[in-house]
């Protein structure tokens, strides 16, 4: 019962008023959202490992090496997100989101770019959610991840010969 009171008290403490009044999210919702982000990071690790080793063609050798680096960075992101989930009193998920596969190198990179775009949108939203709960340090951690994710987006768009997508902000 003491643990429940502590968790409840901690939850109430973290729902302090923000400039516009009240937080737009609860700690529990933030934990759930971060677990979705963690599942997406696991997905990215798996995809980057597999794609970096199976992508074929001389034109893709440089990006294959870059994808290996991305896999390592995604592992760092997963560890950081899991740490934030634990800090909030949650349990990090163990399930990755499904990884889409293709035999075509350009399709692989396009799938990765699509995943990075979704990840960027979600982390932008997560930063606002953290700040609404007064979790400013957590928001800063997520900003560092966002910087890497945007670099991944640029690398993938460049490898595909595309403009970097301009993502509409989430509400």
N, C-alpha and C. Protein backbone atom coordinates (compact mmCIF):
# COMPACT_ATOMS: atom_id res chain seq x y z
N UNK A 1 0.82 -1.19 0.00
CA UNK A 1 0.00 0.00 0.00
C UNK A 1 0.86 1.25 0.00
N UNK A 2 1.99 1.21 0.69
CA UNK A 2 2.89 2.35 0.71
C UNK A 2 3.41 2.65 -0.69
N UNK A 3 3.73 1.58 -1.45
CA UNK A 3 4.21 1.78 -2.82
C UNK A 3 3.15 2.45 -3.67
N UNK A 4 1.90 2.04 -3.51
CA UNK A 4 0.81 2.64 -4.28
C UNK A 4 0.67 4.11 -3.92
N UNK A 5 0.72 4.42 -2.63
CA UNK A 5 0.63 5.81 -2.22
C UNK A 5 1.79 6.60 -2.78
N UNK A 6 2.98 6.03 -2.73
CA UNK A 6 4.15 6.72 -3.25
C UNK A 6 3.99 6.97 -4.74
N UNK A 7 3.55 5.97 -5.49
CA UNK A 7 3.36 6.13 -6.94
C UNK A 7 2.28 7.17 -7.21
N UNK A 8 1.21 7.12 -6.43
CA UNK A 8 0.12 8.08 -6.61
C UNK A 8 0.60 9.48 -6.27
N UNK A 9 1.29 9.61 -5.16
CA UNK A 9 1.81 10.91 -4.76
C UNK A 9 2.78 11.43 -5.81
N UNK A 10 3.66 10.54 -6.30
CA UNK A 10 4.62 10.93 -7.31
C UNK A 10 3.90 11.37 -8.57
N UNK A 11 2.85 10.65 -8.95
CA UNK A 11 2.07 11.02 -10.13
C UNK A 11 1.44 12.40 -9.95
N UNK A 12 0.87 12.65 -8.79
CA UNK A 12 0.25 13.95 -8.53
C UNK A 12 1.29 15.06 -8.53
N UNK A 13 2.47 14.78 -7.97
CA UNK A 13 3.54 15.77 -7.97
C UNK A 13 3.96 16.13 -9.38
N UNK A 14 3.93 15.16 -10.27
CA UNK A 14 4.38 15.39 -11.63
C UNK A 14 3.27 15.90 -12.54
N UNK A 15 2.09 16.10 -12.02
CA UNK A 15 1.01 16.68 -12.81
C UNK A 15 0.83 18.14 -12.40
N UNK A 16 1.93 18.76 -11.98
CA UNK A 16 1.89 20.16 -11.60
C UNK A 16 1.35 21.00 -12.76
N UNK A 17 0.83 22.13 -12.41
CA UNK A 17 0.34 23.02 -13.45
C UNK A 17 1.48 23.48 -14.34
N UNK A 18 1.21 23.59 -15.59
CA UNK A 18 2.16 24.12 -16.56
C UNK A 18 1.62 25.46 -17.02
N UNK A 19 2.35 26.19 -17.84
CA UNK A 19 1.90 27.53 -18.20
C UNK A 19 0.43 27.62 -18.62
N UNK A 20 -0.09 26.64 -19.34
CA UNK A 20 -1.49 26.74 -19.76
C UNK A 20 -2.44 26.06 -18.78
N UNK A 21 -1.96 25.66 -17.62
CA UNK A 21 -2.85 25.09 -16.61
C UNK A 21 -2.46 23.71 -16.14
N UNK A 22 -2.88 22.68 -16.88
CA UNK A 22 -2.63 21.31 -16.45
C UNK A 22 -1.89 20.55 -17.54
N UNK A 23 -1.19 19.49 -17.15
CA UNK A 23 -0.50 18.67 -18.15
C UNK A 23 -1.50 18.07 -19.14
N UNK A 24 -1.04 17.88 -20.36
CA UNK A 24 -1.92 17.30 -21.37
C UNK A 24 -1.78 15.78 -21.42
N UNK A 25 -1.02 15.23 -20.48
CA UNK A 25 -0.76 13.79 -20.47
C UNK A 25 -0.44 13.35 -19.04
N UNK A 26 -0.74 12.11 -18.72
CA UNK A 26 -0.39 11.57 -17.40
C UNK A 26 0.95 10.83 -17.51
N UNK A 27 1.52 10.55 -16.36
CA UNK A 27 2.77 9.76 -16.34
C UNK A 27 2.54 8.40 -17.00
N UNK A 28 1.39 7.80 -16.71
CA UNK A 28 1.09 6.48 -17.26
C UNK A 28 1.01 6.53 -18.79
N UNK A 29 0.40 7.59 -19.31
CA UNK A 29 0.33 7.74 -20.77
C UNK A 29 1.71 7.96 -21.36
N UNK A 30 2.54 8.74 -20.66
CA UNK A 30 3.90 8.98 -21.13
C UNK A 30 4.69 7.67 -21.14
N UNK A 31 4.55 6.87 -20.10
CA UNK A 31 5.21 5.56 -20.06
C UNK A 31 4.77 4.71 -21.25
N UNK A 32 3.47 4.68 -21.51
CA UNK A 32 2.95 3.91 -22.65
C UNK A 32 3.54 4.41 -23.97
N UNK A 33 3.58 5.74 -24.13
CA UNK A 33 4.13 6.31 -25.36
C UNK A 33 5.62 6.01 -25.49
N UNK A 34 6.35 6.11 -24.39
CA UNK A 34 7.78 5.80 -24.43
C UNK A 34 8.02 4.33 -24.74
N UNK A 35 7.14 3.46 -24.27
CA UNK A 35 7.27 2.04 -24.61
C UNK A 35 7.02 1.82 -26.10
N UNK A 36 6.13 2.59 -26.69
CA UNK A 36 5.94 2.51 -28.15
C UNK A 36 7.21 2.98 -28.86
N UNK A 37 7.82 4.04 -28.33
CA UNK A 37 9.09 4.53 -28.90
C UNK A 37 10.18 3.48 -28.75
N UNK A 38 10.21 2.82 -27.61
CA UNK A 38 11.21 1.78 -27.38
C UNK A 38 11.02 0.62 -28.37
N UNK A 39 9.78 0.23 -28.59
CA UNK A 39 9.50 -0.84 -29.56
C UNK A 39 9.96 -0.42 -30.96
N UNK A 40 9.81 0.86 -31.28
CA UNK A 40 10.25 1.38 -32.57
C UNK A 40 11.78 1.39 -32.65
N UNK A 41 12.45 1.68 -31.52
CA UNK A 41 13.92 1.64 -31.50
C UNK A 41 14.41 0.21 -31.73
N UNK A 42 13.76 -0.77 -31.08
CA UNK A 42 14.12 -2.17 -31.32
C UNK A 42 13.96 -2.51 -32.80
N UNK A 43 12.85 -2.06 -33.38
CA UNK A 43 12.58 -2.29 -34.80
C UNK A 43 13.72 -1.71 -35.64
N UNK A 44 14.14 -0.49 -35.31
CA UNK A 44 15.20 0.17 -36.07
C UNK A 44 16.53 -0.58 -35.95
N UNK A 45 16.83 -1.06 -34.75
CA UNK A 45 18.07 -1.84 -34.56
C UNK A 45 18.06 -3.04 -35.48
N UNK A 46 16.97 -3.79 -35.44
CA UNK A 46 16.87 -5.01 -36.26
C UNK A 46 16.96 -4.66 -37.74
N UNK A 47 16.19 -3.66 -38.16
CA UNK A 47 16.19 -3.28 -39.58
C UNK A 47 17.58 -2.84 -40.03
N UNK A 48 18.23 -1.99 -39.25
CA UNK A 48 19.55 -1.50 -39.66
C UNK A 48 20.58 -2.62 -39.69
N UNK A 49 20.52 -3.53 -38.75
CA UNK A 49 21.45 -4.67 -38.77
C UNK A 49 21.23 -5.50 -40.03
N UNK A 50 20.00 -5.86 -40.28
CA UNK A 50 19.69 -6.72 -41.44
C UNK A 50 19.96 -5.98 -42.75
N UNK A 51 19.44 -4.76 -42.88
CA UNK A 51 19.61 -4.02 -44.13
C UNK A 51 21.09 -3.76 -44.42
N UNK A 52 21.87 -3.41 -43.41
CA UNK A 52 23.29 -3.10 -43.64
C UNK A 52 24.05 -4.31 -44.18
N UNK A 53 23.57 -5.50 -43.85
CA UNK A 53 24.27 -6.71 -44.29
C UNK A 53 23.70 -7.30 -45.57
N UNK A 54 22.48 -6.93 -45.93
CA UNK A 54 21.86 -7.55 -47.10
C UNK A 54 21.70 -6.61 -48.28
N UNK A 55 21.91 -5.32 -48.07
CA UNK A 55 21.77 -4.37 -49.18
C UNK A 55 22.87 -4.67 -50.20
N UNK A 56 22.50 -4.70 -51.47
CA UNK A 56 23.43 -5.08 -52.52
C UNK A 56 23.60 -3.96 -53.54
N UNK A 57 24.76 -3.94 -54.15
CA UNK A 57 25.05 -3.00 -55.22
C UNK A 57 26.11 -2.01 -54.82
N UNK A 58 26.99 -1.73 -55.78
CA UNK A 58 28.10 -0.80 -55.52
C UNK A 58 27.61 0.57 -55.09
N UNK A 59 26.49 1.00 -55.64
CA UNK A 59 25.95 2.31 -55.31
C UNK A 59 25.53 2.43 -53.85
N UNK A 60 25.36 1.28 -53.19
CA UNK A 60 24.83 1.28 -51.82
C UNK A 60 25.87 0.91 -50.76
N UNK A 61 27.12 0.76 -51.14
CA UNK A 61 28.13 0.32 -50.17
C UNK A 61 28.37 1.37 -49.08
N UNK A 62 28.40 2.63 -49.46
CA UNK A 62 28.62 3.68 -48.45
C UNK A 62 27.46 3.74 -47.47
N UNK A 63 26.24 3.65 -47.98
CA UNK A 63 25.08 3.72 -47.07
C UNK A 63 25.01 2.47 -46.21
N UNK A 64 25.47 1.32 -46.72
CA UNK A 64 25.47 0.10 -45.90
C UNK A 64 26.34 0.30 -44.67
N UNK A 65 27.50 0.90 -44.84
CA UNK A 65 28.38 1.18 -43.70
C UNK A 65 27.72 2.17 -42.73
N UNK A 66 27.02 3.14 -43.29
CA UNK A 66 26.32 4.12 -42.46
C UNK A 66 25.19 3.46 -41.67
N UNK A 67 24.50 2.50 -42.28
CA UNK A 67 23.42 1.79 -41.59
C UNK A 67 23.95 1.02 -40.38
N UNK A 68 25.17 0.49 -40.48
CA UNK A 68 25.77 -0.18 -39.32
C UNK A 68 25.93 0.80 -38.16
N UNK A 69 26.37 2.02 -38.48
CA UNK A 69 26.51 3.05 -37.44
C UNK A 69 25.15 3.40 -36.86
N UNK A 70 24.14 3.48 -37.74
CA UNK A 70 22.78 3.80 -37.26
C UNK A 70 22.30 2.74 -36.27
N UNK A 71 22.62 1.47 -36.55
CA UNK A 71 22.19 0.38 -35.64
C UNK A 71 22.77 0.60 -34.25
N UNK A 72 24.03 0.99 -34.19
CA UNK A 72 24.66 1.23 -32.89
C UNK A 72 24.03 2.42 -32.18
N UNK A 73 23.72 3.47 -32.94
CA UNK A 73 23.09 4.64 -32.34
C UNK A 73 21.69 4.30 -31.83
N UNK A 74 20.97 3.50 -32.57
CA UNK A 74 19.62 3.11 -32.16
C UNK A 74 19.65 2.30 -30.86
N UNK A 75 20.69 1.49 -30.68
CA UNK A 75 20.84 0.76 -29.42
C UNK A 75 21.01 1.75 -28.27
N UNK A 76 21.80 2.77 -28.48
CA UNK A 76 21.95 3.81 -27.46
C UNK A 76 20.63 4.49 -27.14
N UNK A 77 19.85 4.74 -28.19
CA UNK A 77 18.53 5.35 -27.99
C UNK A 77 17.63 4.43 -27.16
N UNK A 78 17.65 3.14 -27.48
CA UNK A 78 16.82 2.17 -26.76
C UNK A 78 17.19 2.15 -25.28
N UNK A 79 18.47 2.16 -24.99
CA UNK A 79 18.91 2.16 -23.60
C UNK A 79 18.46 3.42 -22.87
N UNK A 80 18.55 4.56 -23.54
CA UNK A 80 18.15 5.81 -22.92
C UNK A 80 16.64 5.86 -22.69
N UNK A 81 15.86 5.40 -23.65
CA UNK A 81 14.40 5.38 -23.48
C UNK A 81 14.00 4.41 -22.37
N UNK A 82 14.64 3.22 -22.33
CA UNK A 82 14.34 2.25 -21.27
C UNK A 82 14.64 2.85 -19.90
N UNK A 83 15.72 3.60 -19.80
CA UNK A 83 16.08 4.24 -18.54
C UNK A 83 15.01 5.26 -18.12
N UNK A 84 14.47 6.00 -19.08
CA UNK A 84 13.44 6.98 -18.77
C UNK A 84 12.14 6.30 -18.33
N UNK A 85 11.81 5.19 -18.97
CA UNK A 85 10.62 4.43 -18.58
C UNK A 85 10.77 3.94 -17.14
N UNK A 86 11.92 3.40 -16.82
CA UNK A 86 12.18 2.94 -15.46
C UNK A 86 12.10 4.10 -14.47
N UNK A 87 12.68 5.22 -14.81
CA UNK A 87 12.64 6.41 -13.95
C UNK A 87 11.20 6.81 -13.63
N UNK A 88 10.31 6.68 -14.64
CA UNK A 88 8.90 7.04 -14.45
C UNK A 88 8.12 5.98 -13.68
N UNK A 89 8.77 4.84 -13.38
CA UNK A 89 8.10 3.78 -12.64
C UNK A 89 7.47 2.72 -13.52
N UNK A 90 7.78 2.75 -14.81
CA UNK A 90 7.24 1.75 -15.73
C UNK A 90 8.22 0.61 -15.97
N UNK A 91 7.77 -0.33 -16.77
CA UNK A 91 8.60 -1.48 -17.15
C UNK A 91 8.83 -1.40 -18.66
N UNK A 92 10.09 -1.35 -19.10
CA UNK A 92 10.36 -1.28 -20.53
C UNK A 92 9.84 -2.51 -21.28
N UNK A 93 9.27 -2.28 -22.45
CA UNK A 93 8.77 -3.36 -23.27
C UNK A 93 9.92 -4.23 -23.80
N UNK A 94 9.59 -5.44 -24.18
CA UNK A 94 10.58 -6.34 -24.77
C UNK A 94 10.21 -6.69 -26.20
N UNK A 95 9.12 -6.11 -26.70
CA UNK A 95 8.61 -6.45 -28.03
C UNK A 95 8.92 -5.35 -29.05
N UNK A 96 9.63 -5.71 -30.13
CA UNK A 96 9.85 -4.72 -31.20
C UNK A 96 8.62 -4.59 -32.08
N UNK A 97 8.50 -3.47 -32.74
CA UNK A 97 7.50 -3.35 -33.80
C UNK A 97 7.99 -4.23 -34.95
N UNK A 98 7.10 -4.70 -35.80
CA UNK A 98 7.51 -5.57 -36.91
C UNK A 98 8.45 -4.85 -37.88
N UNK A 99 9.39 -5.60 -38.42
CA UNK A 99 10.34 -5.07 -39.39
C UNK A 99 9.88 -5.48 -40.79
N UNK A 100 9.76 -4.50 -41.66
CA UNK A 100 9.40 -4.79 -43.05
C UNK A 100 10.67 -5.09 -43.83
N UNK A 101 10.59 -6.08 -44.71
CA UNK A 101 11.75 -6.47 -45.50
C UNK A 101 11.46 -6.31 -46.98
N UNK A 102 12.53 -6.15 -47.74
CA UNK A 102 12.47 -6.10 -49.19
C UNK A 102 13.80 -6.61 -49.72
N UNK A 103 13.77 -7.16 -50.91
CA UNK A 103 15.01 -7.59 -51.57
C UNK A 103 15.62 -6.44 -52.36
N UNK A 104 14.84 -5.39 -52.57
CA UNK A 104 15.28 -4.25 -53.36
C UNK A 104 15.92 -3.20 -52.45
N UNK A 105 17.16 -2.80 -52.79
CA UNK A 105 17.90 -1.86 -51.95
C UNK A 105 17.17 -0.53 -51.78
N UNK A 106 16.63 -0.01 -52.86
CA UNK A 106 15.92 1.27 -52.76
C UNK A 106 14.68 1.15 -51.88
N UNK A 107 13.98 0.03 -51.99
CA UNK A 107 12.81 -0.19 -51.13
C UNK A 107 13.21 -0.25 -49.66
N UNK A 108 14.34 -0.92 -49.37
CA UNK A 108 14.82 -1.00 -47.98
C UNK A 108 15.04 0.40 -47.42
N UNK A 109 15.74 1.22 -48.20
CA UNK A 109 16.05 2.57 -47.74
C UNK A 109 14.78 3.41 -47.60
N UNK A 110 13.83 3.21 -48.50
CA UNK A 110 12.56 3.94 -48.41
C UNK A 110 11.79 3.52 -47.16
N UNK A 111 11.80 2.23 -46.84
CA UNK A 111 11.15 1.76 -45.62
C UNK A 111 11.81 2.39 -44.39
N UNK A 112 13.13 2.44 -44.40
CA UNK A 112 13.86 3.06 -43.29
C UNK A 112 13.51 4.54 -43.17
N UNK A 113 13.46 5.23 -44.30
CA UNK A 113 13.13 6.66 -44.28
C UNK A 113 11.73 6.88 -43.72
N UNK A 114 10.79 6.06 -44.12
CA UNK A 114 9.43 6.16 -43.60
C UNK A 114 9.42 5.96 -42.08
N UNK A 115 10.17 4.96 -41.60
CA UNK A 115 10.25 4.72 -40.15
C UNK A 115 10.90 5.89 -39.41
N UNK A 116 11.95 6.47 -39.99
CA UNK A 116 12.61 7.61 -39.35
C UNK A 116 11.65 8.80 -39.30
N UNK A 117 10.88 9.02 -40.35
CA UNK A 117 9.92 10.12 -40.34
C UNK A 117 8.91 9.96 -39.20
N UNK A 118 8.41 8.74 -39.04
CA UNK A 118 7.46 8.48 -37.95
C UNK A 118 8.11 8.69 -36.59
N UNK A 119 9.34 8.22 -36.46
CA UNK A 119 10.06 8.36 -35.20
C UNK A 119 10.28 9.83 -34.86
N UNK A 120 10.64 10.62 -35.84
CA UNK A 120 10.87 12.05 -35.62
C UNK A 120 9.57 12.72 -35.16
N UNK A 121 8.49 12.43 -35.83
CA UNK A 121 7.19 13.01 -35.43
C UNK A 121 6.87 12.64 -33.97
N UNK A 122 7.08 11.37 -33.64
CA UNK A 122 6.75 10.92 -32.28
C UNK A 122 7.66 11.56 -31.23
N UNK A 123 8.95 11.67 -31.51
CA UNK A 123 9.83 12.29 -30.52
C UNK A 123 9.55 13.79 -30.35
N UNK A 124 9.16 14.46 -31.41
CA UNK A 124 8.77 15.86 -31.27
C UNK A 124 7.58 15.98 -30.32
N UNK A 125 6.63 15.09 -30.47
CA UNK A 125 5.47 15.06 -29.59
C UNK A 125 5.88 14.70 -28.16
N UNK A 126 6.78 13.73 -28.04
CA UNK A 126 7.21 13.28 -26.72
C UNK A 126 7.89 14.40 -25.95
N UNK A 127 8.66 15.23 -26.63
CA UNK A 127 9.32 16.36 -25.96
C UNK A 127 8.28 17.27 -25.34
N UNK A 128 7.24 17.59 -26.09
CA UNK A 128 6.18 18.46 -25.54
C UNK A 128 5.48 17.78 -24.36
N UNK A 129 5.26 16.46 -24.47
CA UNK A 129 4.60 15.74 -23.38
C UNK A 129 5.45 15.75 -22.12
N UNK A 130 6.76 15.52 -22.27
CA UNK A 130 7.65 15.56 -21.11
C UNK A 130 7.62 16.93 -20.45
N UNK A 131 7.70 17.96 -21.26
CA UNK A 131 7.71 19.31 -20.72
C UNK A 131 6.40 19.64 -20.02
N UNK A 132 5.28 19.13 -20.54
CA UNK A 132 4.00 19.43 -19.90
C UNK A 132 3.91 18.79 -18.51
N UNK A 133 4.69 17.72 -18.29
CA UNK A 133 4.74 17.08 -16.97
C UNK A 133 5.86 17.65 -16.09
N UNK A 134 6.58 18.61 -16.62
CA UNK A 134 7.69 19.18 -15.86
C UNK A 134 8.94 18.32 -15.91
N UNK A 135 8.98 17.36 -16.81
CA UNK A 135 10.14 16.46 -16.96
C UNK A 135 11.09 17.05 -18.01
N UNK A 136 11.71 18.18 -17.65
CA UNK A 136 12.54 18.92 -18.59
C UNK A 136 13.84 18.20 -18.93
N UNK A 137 14.43 17.52 -17.96
CA UNK A 137 15.66 16.76 -18.24
C UNK A 137 15.36 15.62 -19.21
N UNK A 138 14.23 14.96 -19.01
CA UNK A 138 13.84 13.88 -19.92
C UNK A 138 13.64 14.43 -21.33
N UNK A 139 13.01 15.58 -21.43
CA UNK A 139 12.82 16.21 -22.74
C UNK A 139 14.16 16.48 -23.41
N UNK A 140 15.16 16.89 -22.63
CA UNK A 140 16.49 17.14 -23.19
C UNK A 140 17.14 15.85 -23.68
N UNK A 141 16.96 14.76 -22.95
CA UNK A 141 17.47 13.46 -23.41
C UNK A 141 16.84 13.09 -24.75
N UNK A 142 15.55 13.30 -24.85
CA UNK A 142 14.85 12.95 -26.09
C UNK A 142 15.29 13.87 -27.23
N UNK A 143 15.60 15.13 -26.91
CA UNK A 143 16.12 16.03 -27.94
C UNK A 143 17.43 15.50 -28.53
N UNK A 144 18.28 14.93 -27.69
CA UNK A 144 19.55 14.39 -28.21
C UNK A 144 19.29 13.21 -29.15
N UNK A 145 18.28 12.41 -28.82
CA UNK A 145 17.90 11.31 -29.70
C UNK A 145 17.36 11.87 -31.01
N UNK A 146 16.54 12.89 -30.91
CA UNK A 146 15.93 13.51 -32.08
C UNK A 146 17.00 14.01 -33.06
N UNK A 147 18.07 14.58 -32.53
CA UNK A 147 19.16 15.04 -33.39
C UNK A 147 19.70 13.87 -34.23
N UNK A 148 19.95 12.72 -33.59
CA UNK A 148 20.43 11.54 -34.32
C UNK A 148 19.41 11.06 -35.34
N UNK A 149 18.15 11.05 -34.96
CA UNK A 149 17.12 10.56 -35.87
C UNK A 149 17.02 11.45 -37.10
N UNK A 150 17.16 12.75 -36.92
CA UNK A 150 17.12 13.65 -38.07
C UNK A 150 18.35 13.46 -38.95
N UNK A 151 19.50 13.14 -38.36
CA UNK A 151 20.69 12.82 -39.16
C UNK A 151 20.46 11.55 -39.97
N UNK A 152 19.80 10.56 -39.37
CA UNK A 152 19.47 9.33 -40.09
C UNK A 152 18.54 9.64 -41.26
N UNK A 153 17.56 10.50 -41.00
CA UNK A 153 16.62 10.90 -42.04
C UNK A 153 17.37 11.54 -43.22
N UNK A 154 18.28 12.43 -42.92
CA UNK A 154 19.07 13.11 -43.96
C UNK A 154 19.90 12.09 -44.74
N UNK A 155 20.58 11.17 -44.02
CA UNK A 155 21.39 10.14 -44.68
C UNK A 155 20.56 9.30 -45.64
N UNK A 156 19.38 8.89 -45.20
CA UNK A 156 18.53 8.03 -46.02
C UNK A 156 17.96 8.78 -47.22
N UNK A 157 17.49 10.00 -47.00
CA UNK A 157 16.96 10.79 -48.11
C UNK A 157 18.06 11.06 -49.14
N UNK A 158 19.25 11.37 -48.68
CA UNK A 158 20.37 11.62 -49.58
C UNK A 158 20.72 10.37 -50.38
N UNK A 159 20.77 9.22 -49.71
CA UNK A 159 21.08 7.96 -50.40
C UNK A 159 20.03 7.64 -51.46
N UNK A 160 18.79 8.06 -51.22
CA UNK A 160 17.71 7.83 -52.17
C UNK A 160 17.62 8.92 -53.24
N UNK A 161 18.45 9.95 -53.10
CA UNK A 161 18.40 11.06 -54.05
C UNK A 161 17.15 11.90 -53.91
N UNK A 162 16.62 11.97 -52.68
CA UNK A 162 15.40 12.73 -52.41
C UNK A 162 15.70 13.93 -51.53
N UNK A 163 14.76 14.87 -51.55
CA UNK A 163 14.80 15.97 -50.60
C UNK A 163 14.46 15.42 -49.22
N UNK A 164 15.00 16.02 -48.20
CA UNK A 164 14.65 15.61 -46.83
C UNK A 164 13.19 15.99 -46.60
N UNK A 165 12.37 15.03 -46.18
CA UNK A 165 10.95 15.33 -45.98
C UNK A 165 10.72 16.42 -44.93
N UNK A 166 9.81 17.32 -45.25
CA UNK A 166 9.39 18.34 -44.30
C UNK A 166 8.17 17.79 -43.58
N UNK A 167 8.34 17.47 -42.32
CA UNK A 167 7.29 16.80 -41.56
C UNK A 167 6.38 17.80 -40.89
N UNK A 168 5.09 17.63 -41.06
CA UNK A 168 4.12 18.46 -40.37
C UNK A 168 4.17 18.15 -38.88
N UNK A 169 4.11 19.18 -38.05
CA UNK A 169 4.12 18.92 -36.61
C UNK A 169 2.87 18.17 -36.17
N UNK A 170 3.04 17.34 -35.16
CA UNK A 170 1.90 16.66 -34.55
C UNK A 170 1.14 17.64 -33.68
N UNK A 171 -0.14 17.41 -33.48
CA UNK A 171 -0.92 18.32 -32.62
C UNK A 171 -0.45 18.26 -31.19
